[in-house]
C-alpha atoms as a PDB file:
ATOM      1  CA  UNK A   1       9.153  24.850  -6.592  1.00  0.00           C
ATOM      2  CA  UNK A   2       7.726  23.407  -3.364  1.00  0.00           C
ATOM      3  CA  UNK A   3      10.168  21.831  -0.973  1.00  0.00           C
ATOM      4  CA  UNK A   4       7.915  19.784   1.415  1.00  0.00           C
ATOM      5  CA  UNK A   5       7.776  15.986   1.526  1.00  0.00           C
ATOM      6  CA  UNK A   6       5.764  13.194   0.009  1.00  0.00           C
ATOM      7  CA  UNK A   7       3.771  11.648   2.857  1.00  0.00           C
ATOM      8  CA  UNK A   8       3.081   7.909   2.538  1.00  0.00           C
ATOM      9  CA  UNK A   9       1.193   5.803   5.051  1.00  0.00           C
ATOM     10  CA  UNK A  10       0.179   2.197   5.550  1.00  0.00           C
ATOM     11  CA  UNK A  11      -0.625  -0.080   8.456  1.00  0.00           C
ATOM     12  CA  UNK A  12       2.842  -1.609   8.206  1.00  0.00           C
ATOM     13  CA  UNK A  13       5.634  -2.417   5.772  1.00  0.00           C
ATOM     14  CA  UNK A  14       3.371  -3.033   2.773  1.00  0.00           C
ATOM     15  CA  UNK A  15       3.539   0.559   1.600  1.00  0.00           C
ATOM     16  CA  UNK A  16       7.293   0.172   1.221  1.00  0.00           C
ATOM     17  CA  UNK A  17       6.463  -1.413  -2.143  1.00  0.00           C
ATOM     18  CA  UNK A  18       4.979   1.958  -3.120  1.00  0.00           C
ATOM     19  CA  UNK A  19       7.840   3.926  -1.579  1.00  0.00           C
ATOM     20  CA  UNK A  20      10.341   1.955  -3.657  1.00  0.00           C
ATOM     21  CA  UNK A  21       8.617   2.864  -6.922  1.00  0.00           C
ATOM     22  CA  UNK A  22       8.189   6.519  -5.923  1.00  0.00           C
ATOM     23  CA  UNK A  23      11.836   6.675  -4.907  1.00  0.00           C
ATOM     24  CA  UNK A  24      12.847   5.191  -8.242  1.00  0.00           C
ATOM     25  CA  UNK A  25      10.749   7.717 -10.171  1.00  0.00           C
ATOM     26  CA  UNK A  26      11.267  10.778  -7.940  1.00  0.00           C
ATOM     27  CA  UNK A  27      14.679  10.339  -6.271  1.00  0.00           C
ATOM     28  CA  UNK A  28      15.014  14.039  -5.448  1.00  0.00           C
ATOM     29  CA  UNK A  29      11.919  14.127  -3.221  1.00  0.00           C
ATOM     30  CA  UNK A  30      11.944  13.927   0.565  1.00  0.00           C
ATOM     31  CA  UNK A  31       9.658  11.194   1.880  1.00  0.00           C
ATOM     32  CA  UNK A  32       7.858  10.682   5.179  1.00  0.00           C
ATOM     33  CA  UNK A  33       6.815   7.044   5.513  1.00  0.00           C
ATOM     34  CA  UNK A  34       4.339   6.299   8.313  1.00  0.00           C
ATOM     35  CA  UNK A  35       3.682   2.699   9.390  1.00  0.00           C
ATOM     36  CA  UNK A  36       0.888   2.276  11.939  1.00  0.00           C
ATOM     37  CA  UNK A  37       2.350  -0.991  13.175  1.00  0.00           C
ATOM     38  CA  UNK A  38       0.582  -0.741  16.521  1.00  0.00           C
ATOM     39  CA  UNK A  39      -2.633  -1.455  14.599  1.00  0.00           C
ATOM     40  CA  UNK A  40      -1.442  -3.752  11.797  1.00  0.00           C
ATOM     41  CA  UNK A  41      -3.235  -5.325  10.017  1.00  0.00           C
ATOM     42  CA  UNK A  42      -6.006  -2.911   9.039  1.00  0.00           C
ATOM     43  CA  UNK A  43      -7.849  -5.504   6.960  1.00  0.00           C
ATOM     44  CA  UNK A  44     -10.020  -7.110   9.672  1.00  0.00           C
ATOM     45  CA  UNK A  45     -10.780  -3.785  11.408  1.00  0.00           C
ATOM     46  CA  UNK A  46     -14.006  -1.782  11.301  1.00  0.00           C
ATOM     47  CA  UNK A  47     -14.069   0.727   8.443  1.00  0.00           C
ATOM     48  CA  UNK A  48     -14.867   3.647  10.761  1.00  0.00           C
ATOM     49  CA  UNK A  49     -11.887   2.786  12.939  1.00  0.00           C
ATOM     50  CA  UNK A  50      -9.570   2.721   9.925  1.00  0.00           C
ATOM     51  CA  UNK A  51     -11.007   6.077   8.805  1.00  0.00           C
ATOM     52  CA  UNK A  52     -10.189   7.592  12.204  1.00  0.00           C
ATOM     53  CA  UNK A  53      -6.645   6.217  12.116  1.00  0.00           C
ATOM     54  CA  UNK A  54      -6.196   7.567   8.592  1.00  0.00           C
ATOM     55  CA  UNK A  55      -7.404  11.059   9.485  1.00  0.00           C
ATOM     56  CA  UNK A  56      -5.042  11.354  12.456  1.00  0.00           C
ATOM     57  CA  UNK A  57      -2.065  10.035  10.486  1.00  0.00           C
ATOM     58  CA  UNK A  58      -2.804  12.376   7.594  1.00  0.00           C
ATOM     59  CA  UNK A  59      -2.930  15.371   9.934  1.00  0.00           C
ATOM     60  CA  UNK A  60       0.367  14.274  11.501  1.00  0.00           C
ATOM     61  CA  UNK A  61       2.040  14.038   8.090  1.00  0.00           C
ATOM     62  CA  UNK A  62       0.691  17.399   6.932  1.00  0.00           C
ATOM     63  CA  UNK A  63       1.844  19.011  10.187  1.00  0.00           C
ATOM     64  CA  UNK A  64       5.252  17.455   9.477  1.00  0.00           C
ATOM     65  CA  UNK A  65       5.500  19.116   6.074  1.00  0.00           C
ATOM     66  CA  UNK A  66       3.807  16.676   3.691  1.00  0.00           C
ATOM     67  CA  UNK A  67       2.690  18.406   0.486  1.00  0.00           C
ATOM     68  CA  UNK A  68       0.953  15.327  -0.944  1.00  0.00           C
ATOM     69  CA  UNK A  69      -0.390  12.197   0.741  1.00  0.00           C
ATOM     70  CA  UNK A  70      -0.133   8.712  -0.720  1.00  0.00           C
ATOM     71  CA  UNK A  71      -2.547   6.338   0.994  1.00  0.00           C
ATOM     72  CA  UNK A  72      -0.382   3.274   0.353  1.00  0.00           C
ATOM     73  CA  UNK A  73      -2.928   0.868   1.794  1.00  0.00           C
ATOM     74  CA  UNK A  74      -5.889  -0.632  -0.040  1.00  0.00           C
ATOM     75  CA  UNK A  75      -7.909  -0.995   3.154  1.00  0.00           C
ATOM     76  CA  UNK A  76      -7.351   2.637   4.183  1.00  0.00           C
ATOM     77  CA  UNK A  77      -8.129   3.801   0.654  1.00  0.00           C
ATOM     78  CA  UNK A  78     -11.395   1.879   0.687  1.00  0.00           C
ATOM     79  CA  UNK A  79     -12.312   3.176   4.137  1.00  0.00           C
ATOM     80  CA  UNK A  80     -11.075   6.744   4.054  1.00  0.00           C
ATOM     81  CA  UNK A  81      -9.854   8.135   0.727  1.00  0.00           C
ATOM     82  CA  UNK A  82     -13.016  10.070  -0.215  1.00  0.00           C
ATOM     83  CA  UNK A  83     -13.344  11.325   3.355  1.00  0.00           C
ATOM     84  CA  UNK A  84      -9.718  12.490   3.482  1.00  0.00           C
ATOM     85  CA  UNK A  85     -10.084  14.446   0.254  1.00  0.00           C
ATOM     86  CA  UNK A  86     -13.065  16.280   1.725  1.00  0.00           C
ATOM     87  CA  UNK A  87     -11.382  16.808   5.094  1.00  0.00           C
ATOM     88  CA  UNK A  88      -8.105  18.132   3.628  1.00  0.00           C
ATOM     89  CA  UNK A  89      -9.152  19.880   0.387  1.00  0.00           C
ATOM     90  CA  UNK A  90      -5.849  21.734  -0.032  1.00  0.00           C
ATOM     91  CA  UNK A  91      -3.780  18.532  -0.113  1.00  0.00           C
ATOM     92  CA  UNK A  92      -3.553  16.250  -3.163  1.00  0.00           C
ATOM     93  CA  UNK A  93      -4.138  12.556  -2.409  1.00  0.00           C
ATOM     94  CA  UNK A  94      -3.122   9.395  -4.228  1.00  0.00           C
ATOM     95  CA  UNK A  95      -5.030   6.266  -3.226  1.00  0.00           C
ATOM     96  CA  UNK A  96      -4.894   2.587  -3.996  1.00  0.00           C
ATOM     97  CA  UNK A  97      -7.429   1.283  -6.503  1.00  0.00           C
ATOM     98  CA  UNK A  98      -7.507  -2.459  -7.221  1.00  0.00           C
ATOM     99  CA  UNK A  99      -5.947  -2.939 -10.663  1.00  0.00           C
ATOM    100  CA  UNK A 100      -8.982  -4.654 -12.156  1.00  0.00           C
ATOM    101  CA  UNK A 101      -8.793  -2.657 -15.388  1.00  0.00           C
ATOM    102  CA  UNK A 102      -5.340  -3.850 -16.558  1.00  0.00           C
ATOM    103  CA  UNK A 103      -6.141  -7.354 -15.313  1.00  0.00           C
ATOM    104  CA  UNK A 104      -9.359  -7.485 -17.342  1.00  0.00           C
ATOM    105  CA  UNK A 105      -7.430  -6.398 -20.427  1.00  0.00           C
ATOM    106  CA  UNK A 106      -4.716  -8.988 -19.788  1.00  0.00           C
ATOM    107  CA  UNK A 107      -6.789 -12.060 -18.953  1.00  0.00           C
ATOM    108  CA  UNK A 108      -7.271 -14.549 -21.786  1.00  0.00           C
ATOM    109  CA  UNK A 109      -9.602 -16.772 -19.784  1.00  0.00           C
ATOM    110  CA  UNK A 110     -11.721 -13.740 -18.780  1.00  0.00           C
ATOM    111  CA  UNK A 111     -11.334 -14.831 -15.169  1.00  0.00           C
ATOM    112  CA  UNK A 112      -9.439 -12.558 -12.784  1.00  0.00           C
ATOM    113  CA  UNK A 113      -8.561 -13.256  -9.161  1.00  0.00           C
ATOM    114  CA  UNK A 114      -8.279 -10.354  -6.720  1.00  0.00           C
ATOM    115  CA  UNK A 115      -6.250 -10.876  -3.541  1.00  0.00           C
ATOM    116  CA  UNK A 116      -7.206  -8.393  -0.827  1.00  0.00           C
ATOM    117  CA  UNK A 117      -8.344  -7.927   2.756  1.00  0.00           C
ATOM    118  CA  UNK A 118     -12.013  -8.233   3.780  1.00  0.00           C
ATOM    119  CA  UNK A 119     -12.299  -4.469   4.317  1.00  0.00           C
ATOM    120  CA  UNK A 120     -11.108  -3.755   0.773  1.00  0.00           C
ATOM    121  CA  UNK A 121     -13.838  -5.964  -0.658  1.00  0.00           C
ATOM    122  CA  UNK A 122     -16.447  -4.299   1.575  1.00  0.00           C
ATOM    123  CA  UNK A 123     -15.646  -0.788   0.350  1.00  0.00           C
ATOM    124  CA  UNK A 124     -17.611   1.048  -2.317  1.00  0.00           C
ATOM    125  CA  UNK A 125     -14.335   1.705  -4.150  1.00  0.00           C
ATOM    126  CA  UNK A 126     -13.846  -1.947  -5.055  1.00  0.00           C
ATOM    127  CA  UNK A 127     -17.455  -2.321  -6.199  1.00  0.00           C
ATOM    128  CA  UNK A 128     -17.097   0.783  -8.355  1.00  0.00           C
ATOM    129  CA  UNK A 129     -13.897  -0.483  -9.989  1.00  0.00           C
ATOM    130  CA  UNK A 130     -15.502  -3.822 -10.861  1.00  0.00           C
ATOM    131  CA  UNK A 131     -18.595  -2.118 -12.278  1.00  0.00           C
ATOM    132  CA  UNK A 132     -16.501   0.217 -14.435  1.00  0.00           C
ATOM    133  CA  UNK A 133     -13.799  -2.081 -15.737  1.00  0.00           C
ATOM    134  CA  UNK A 134     -14.780  -5.742 -15.470  1.00  0.00           C
ATOM    135  CA  UNK A 135     -17.398  -5.974 -18.205  1.00  0.00           C
ATOM    136  CA  UNK A 136     -17.490  -9.542 -19.507  1.00  0.00           C
ATOM    137  CA  UNK A 137     -14.874 -10.655 -16.986  1.00  0.00           C
ATOM    138  CA  UNK A 138     -15.497 -12.894 -13.993  1.00  0.00           C
ATOM    139  CA  UNK A 139     -13.842 -11.323 -10.929  1.00  0.00           C
ATOM    140  CA  UNK A 140     -13.221 -13.785  -8.095  1.00  0.00           C
ATOM    141  CA  UNK A 141     -12.431 -12.372  -4.649  1.00  0.00           C
ATOM    142  CA  UNK A 142      -9.960 -14.059  -2.335  1.00  0.00           C
ATOM    143  CA  UNK A 143      -8.708 -13.094   1.119  1.00  0.00           C
ATOM    144  CA  UNK A 144      -5.457 -14.423   2.565  1.00  0.00           C
ATOM    145  CA  UNK A 145      -5.769 -14.436   6.372  1.00  0.00           C
ATOM    146  CA  UNK A 146      -2.397 -14.337   8.077  1.00  0.00           C
ATOM    147  CA  UNK A 147      -0.339 -13.276   5.055  1.00  0.00           C
ATOM    148  CA  UNK A 148       0.113  -9.649   6.097  1.00  0.00           C
ATOM    149  CA  UNK A 149       1.352 -10.829   9.483  1.00  0.00           C
ATOM    150  CA  UNK A 150       3.858 -13.199   7.842  1.00  0.00           C
ATOM    151  CA  UNK A 151       5.204 -10.372   5.665  1.00  0.00           C
ATOM    152  CA  UNK A 152       5.444  -8.080   8.704  1.00  0.00           C
ATOM    153  CA  UNK A 153       7.622 -10.796  10.256  1.00  0.00           C
ATOM    154  CA  UNK A 154       9.820 -10.812   7.136  1.00  0.00           C
ATOM    155  CA  UNK A 155       8.664 -14.323   6.260  1.00  0.00           C
ATOM    156  CA  UNK A 156       8.407 -13.986   2.479  1.00  0.00           C
ATOM    157  CA  UNK A 157       9.128 -17.559   1.451  1.00  0.00           C
ATOM    158  CA  UNK A 158       8.836 -19.759   4.538  1.00  0.00           C
ATOM    159  CA  UNK A 159       6.586 -22.801   4.935  1.00  0.00           C
ATOM    160  CA  UNK A 160       3.713 -20.823   6.497  1.00  0.00           C
ATOM    161  CA  UNK A 161       3.739 -18.174   3.798  1.00  0.00           C
ATOM    162  CA  UNK A 162       3.905 -20.744   1.017  1.00  0.00           C
ATOM    163  CA  UNK A 163       1.066 -22.718   2.621  1.00  0.00           C
ATOM    164  CA  UNK A 164      -1.172 -19.628   2.740  1.00  0.00           C
ATOM    165  CA  UNK A 165      -0.469 -18.818  -0.898  1.00  0.00           C
ATOM    166  CA  UNK A 166      -1.058 -22.375  -2.110  1.00  0.00           C
ATOM    167  CA  UNK A 167      -4.233 -22.771  -0.062  1.00  0.00           C
ATOM    168  CA  UNK A 168      -5.787 -19.589  -1.459  1.00  0.00           C
ATOM    169  CA  UNK A 169      -4.447 -19.409  -5.009  1.00  0.00           C
ATOM    170  CA  UNK A 170      -4.837 -23.037  -6.120  1.00  0.00           C
ATOM    171  CA  UNK A 171      -8.672 -22.785  -5.981  1.00  0.00           C
ATOM    172  CA  UNK A 172      -8.475 -19.684  -8.188  1.00  0.00           C
ATOM    173  CA  UNK A 173      -6.397 -21.531 -10.774  1.00  0.00           C
ATOM    174  CA  UNK A 174      -8.823 -24.473 -10.599  1.00  0.00           C
ATOM    175  CA  UNK A 175     -11.619 -21.984 -11.322  1.00  0.00           C
ATOM    176  CA  UNK A 176      -9.848 -20.827 -14.493  1.00  0.00           C
ATOM    177  CA  UNK A 177      -8.154 -17.671 -13.236  1.00  0.00           C
ATOM    178  CA  UNK A 178      -5.089 -16.708 -15.271  1.00  0.00           C
ATOM    179  CA  UNK A 179      -4.490 -13.187 -13.905  1.00  0.00           C
ATOM    180  CA  UNK A 180      -4.033 -12.077 -10.281  1.00  0.00           C
ATOM    181  CA  UNK A 181      -4.580  -8.577  -8.934  1.00  0.00           C
ATOM    182  CA  UNK A 182      -2.592  -7.779  -5.785  1.00  0.00           C
ATOM    183  CA  UNK A 183      -4.978  -5.433  -3.962  1.00  0.00           C
ATOM    184  CA  UNK A 184      -2.903  -5.157  -0.790  1.00  0.00           C
ATOM    185  CA  UNK A 185       0.403  -3.289  -0.759  1.00  0.00           C
ATOM    186  CA  UNK A 186       2.042  -6.016   1.338  1.00  0.00           C
ATOM    187  CA  UNK A 187       1.510  -8.657  -1.325  1.00  0.00           C
ATOM    188  CA  UNK A 188       4.071  -7.518  -3.968  1.00  0.00           C
ATOM    189  CA  UNK A 189       6.804  -8.679  -1.598  1.00  0.00           C
ATOM    190  CA  UNK A 190       5.722 -12.287  -2.163  1.00  0.00           C
ATOM    191  CA  UNK A 191       5.565 -12.073  -5.970  1.00  0.00           C
ATOM    192  CA  UNK A 192       8.793 -14.131  -6.257  1.00  0.00           C
ATOM    193  CA  UNK A 193       7.201 -16.823  -4.079  1.00  0.00           C
ATOM    194  CA  UNK A 194       4.004 -16.815  -6.158  1.00  0.00           C
ATOM    195  CA  UNK A 195       6.094 -17.158  -9.316  1.00  0.00           C
ATOM    196  CA  UNK A 196       8.106 -19.966  -7.745  1.00  0.00           C
ATOM    197  CA  UNK A 197       4.933 -21.831  -6.767  1.00  0.00           C
ATOM    198  CA  UNK A 198       2.900 -21.334  -9.924  1.00  0.00           C
ATOM    199  CA  UNK A 199       5.378 -20.490 -12.670  1.00  0.00           C
ATOM    200  CA  UNK A 200       3.964 -18.968 -15.835  1.00  0.00           C
ATOM    201  CA  UNK A 201       0.409 -20.152 -15.174  1.00  0.00           C
ATOM    202  CA  UNK A 202      -0.476 -16.730 -13.723  1.00  0.00           C
ATOM    203  CA  UNK A 203       0.043 -13.107 -14.696  1.00  0.00           C
ATOM    204  CA  UNK A 204       0.471 -11.038 -11.532  1.00  0.00           C
ATOM    205  CA  UNK A 205      -0.528  -7.372 -11.601  1.00  0.00           C
ATOM    206  CA  UNK A 206       1.476  -5.130  -9.255  1.00  0.00           C
ATOM    207  CA  UNK A 207      -0.075  -1.626  -8.989  1.00  0.00           C
ATOM    208  CA  UNK A 208       3.008   0.044  -7.477  1.00  0.00           C
ATOM    209  CA  UNK A 209       4.468   1.554 -10.695  1.00  0.00           C
ATOM    210  CA  UNK A 210       1.096   3.105 -11.592  1.00  0.00           C
ATOM    211  CA  UNK A 211       0.840   4.702  -8.139  1.00  0.00           C
ATOM    212  CA  UNK A 212       4.297   6.241  -8.560  1.00  0.00           C
ATOM    213  CA  UNK A 213       3.303   7.645 -11.970  1.00  0.00           C
ATOM    214  CA  UNK A 214       0.151   9.155 -10.488  1.00  0.00           C
ATOM    215  CA  UNK A 215       2.152  10.721  -7.670  1.00  0.00           C
ATOM    216  CA  UNK A 216       4.514  12.305 -10.177  1.00  0.00           C
ATOM    217  CA  UNK A 217       1.591  13.575 -12.250  1.00  0.00           C
ATOM    218  CA  UNK A 218      -0.082  15.262  -9.271  1.00  0.00           C
ATOM    219  CA  UNK A 219       3.174  16.851  -8.142  1.00  0.00           C
ATOM    220  CA  UNK A 220       3.654  18.326 -11.615  1.00  0.00           C
ATOM    221  CA  UNK A 221       0.009  19.344 -11.946  1.00  0.00           C
ATOM    222  CA  UNK A 222       0.135  21.226  -8.634  1.00  0.00           C
ATOM    223  CA  UNK A 223       3.669  22.580  -9.149  1.00  0.00           C
ATOM    224  CA  UNK A 224       4.919  20.745  -6.082  1.00  0.00           C
ATOM    225  CA  UNK A 225       8.092  19.142  -7.425  1.00  0.00           C
ATOM    226  CA  UNK A 226      11.206  19.640  -5.311  1.00  0.00           C
ATOM    227  CA  UNK A 227      13.915  21.620  -7.065  1.00  0.00           C
ATOM    228  CA  UNK A 228      17.010  19.646  -6.172  1.00  0.00           C
ATOM    229  CA  UNK A 229      19.615  17.519  -7.908  1.00  0.00           C
ATOM    230  CA  UNK A 230      20.659  15.497  -4.865  1.00  0.00           C
ATOM    231  CA  UNK A 231      18.581  12.557  -3.582  1.00  0.00           C
ATOM    232  CA  UNK A 232      15.972  13.429  -0.992  1.00  0.00           C
ATOM    233  CA  UNK A 233      15.826  12.073   2.532  1.00  0.00           C
ATOM    234  CA  UNK A 234      13.560   9.301   3.813  1.00  0.00           C
ATOM    235  CA  UNK A 235      12.133   9.391   7.333  1.00  0.00           C
ATOM    236  CA  UNK A 236      10.484   6.260   8.694  1.00  0.00           C
ATOM    237  CA  UNK A 237       7.803   6.767  11.349  1.00  0.00           C
ATOM    238  CA  UNK A 238       6.341   3.846  13.288  1.00  0.00           C
ATOM    239  CA  UNK A 239       3.804   3.466  16.075  1.00  0.00           C
ATOM    240  CA  UNK A 240       5.589   0.320  17.286  1.00  0.00           C
ATOM    241  CA  UNK A 241       9.323  -0.030  16.559  1.00  0.00           C
ATOM    242  CA  UNK A 242      10.867   2.557  14.256  1.00  0.00           C
ATOM    243  CA  UNK A 243      14.342   0.950  14.298  1.00  0.00           C
ATOM    244  CA  UNK A 244      12.867  -2.341  13.139  1.00  0.00           C
ATOM    245  CA  UNK A 245      10.949  -0.523  10.403  1.00  0.00           C
ATOM    246  CA  UNK A 246      14.169   0.957   9.031  1.00  0.00           C
ATOM    247  CA  UNK A 247      15.817  -2.461   9.159  1.00  0.00           C
ATOM    248  CA  UNK A 248      12.927  -3.930   7.162  1.00  0.00           C
ATOM    249  CA  UNK A 249      13.119  -1.076   4.650  1.00  0.00           C
ATOM    250  CA  UNK A 250      16.797  -1.748   4.075  1.00  0.00           C
ATOM    251  CA  UNK A 251      16.114  -5.463   3.661  1.00  0.00           C
ATOM    252  CA  UNK A 252      13.002  -5.183   1.468  1.00  0.00           C
ATOM    253  CA  UNK A 253      13.756  -2.158  -0.724  1.00  0.00           C
ATOM    254  CA  UNK A 254      17.390  -1.281   0.074  1.00  0.00           C
ATOM    255  CA  UNK A 255      16.470   2.206   1.264  1.00  0.00           C
ATOM    256  CA  UNK A 256      17.893   3.516   4.527  1.00  0.00           C
ATOM    257  CA  UNK A 257      16.643   6.529   6.448  1.00  0.00           C
ATOM    258  CA  UNK A 258      16.104   8.083   9.851  1.00  0.00           C
ATOM    259  CA  UNK A 259      13.643   6.649  12.356  1.00  0.00           C
ATOM    260  CA  UNK A 260      10.920   8.305  14.417  1.00  0.00           C
ATOM    261  CA  UNK A 261       8.784   6.550  17.030  1.00  0.00           C
ATOM    262  CA  UNK A 262       5.308   7.896  17.779  1.00  0.00           C
ATOM    263  CA  UNK A 263       2.699   6.616  20.214  1.00  0.00           C
ATOM    264  CA  UNK A 264      -1.061   6.712  20.057  1.00  0.00           C
ATOM    265  CA  UNK A 265      -2.543   8.785  22.879  1.00  0.00           C
ATOM    266  CA  UNK A 266      -6.250   8.242  22.404  1.00  0.00           C
ATOM    267  CA  UNK A 267      -6.873   9.621  18.923  1.00  0.00           C
ATOM    268  CA  UNK A 268      -3.693  11.707  18.944  1.00  0.00           C
ATOM    269  CA  UNK A 269      -0.109  10.907  18.049  1.00  0.00           C
ATOM    270  CA  UNK A 270       2.861  11.885  20.181  1.00  0.00           C
ATOM    271  CA  UNK A 271       6.518  11.539  19.262  1.00  0.00           C
ATOM    272  CA  UNK A 272       8.510   9.447  21.724  1.00  0.00           C
ATOM    273  CA  UNK A 273      12.193   8.810  22.210  1.00  0.00           C
ATOM    274  CA  UNK A 274      13.000   5.208  21.314  1.00  0.00           C
ATOM    275  CA  UNK A 275      15.428   3.468  23.653  1.00  0.00           C
END
C-alpha cells in the first residue's frame, strides 16, 4: 500500500469543501492542502496564467509526496486539467466538472442555473459537459462577482453576501430555474444562506461528495490507499497567510492541521518561515 498524501489545491479556501468530503470518506489518508491565496480569485484571470499557476503548484505537491492530485477548483480544472494530465502522466488527477448531469436529471422545469466564474464558462470543459448532458434542458449561466472574496473573508451570511446572492439568483428563479449547480468550490459554504433566502424553491447541487468518491475510486484503482487505522495528518499550505488558512479550516470544516507558508518567486515556490 502506498503511503504518500492526497494533494488538493485551490486558489483559496473553496477547496476546503472538497477536503471535508475526502476526509469524511478517507480519514486514514494524509492530505496536503494548497491554497494560492496570493492570487485568489482565479476566476477573472487569464486561462494561461491559471495553467502556469496550476503546473507549479502540482509540481510542488508531487515533490512533497502527493500520490494523487485533486484540482479542487473549477477555474483551474477548466484551464489546466487536460494539460496537467499530459504533463504529469504518472500521477492520477481528479478535476472539477460542473454537475450539469445530475441537475438535468433533477430539474422539473427543465431549466438549470449554473453559478461559476467567467473562466469556468470560457473553458472547453464546461461546453463539453453541457453538450453531453443537457439535452432538452435550458442551462443558464450566472457569475457572482465578489462572492469568492466575501467567502475568503469568512462572510458567509452578511449583508454583502446576501445581496450578491439575491441579485444573481432571483433573475434565475424568475426565468424558471428550479435547480442550481454550484460550479465553484467556494460556493457550497453559502448553501445555508441560499436555503435561508430561497427556501425550497431551489434544489442546490453540491459536487463535493462525488469528487470524494472519485478520489477513492482512483486510489483503489491505482493501489494507492494508505494502510493505516489511525487518522491521517492534514497540512495546510498557503501563499499568503498559512495560520489564517488553518483558522478558516477549523471554522469552516472543523479540521485542524499544521501550517506551511510558501512564497512565489517568479514561477517557482519557496517555503518561508511565517512570523
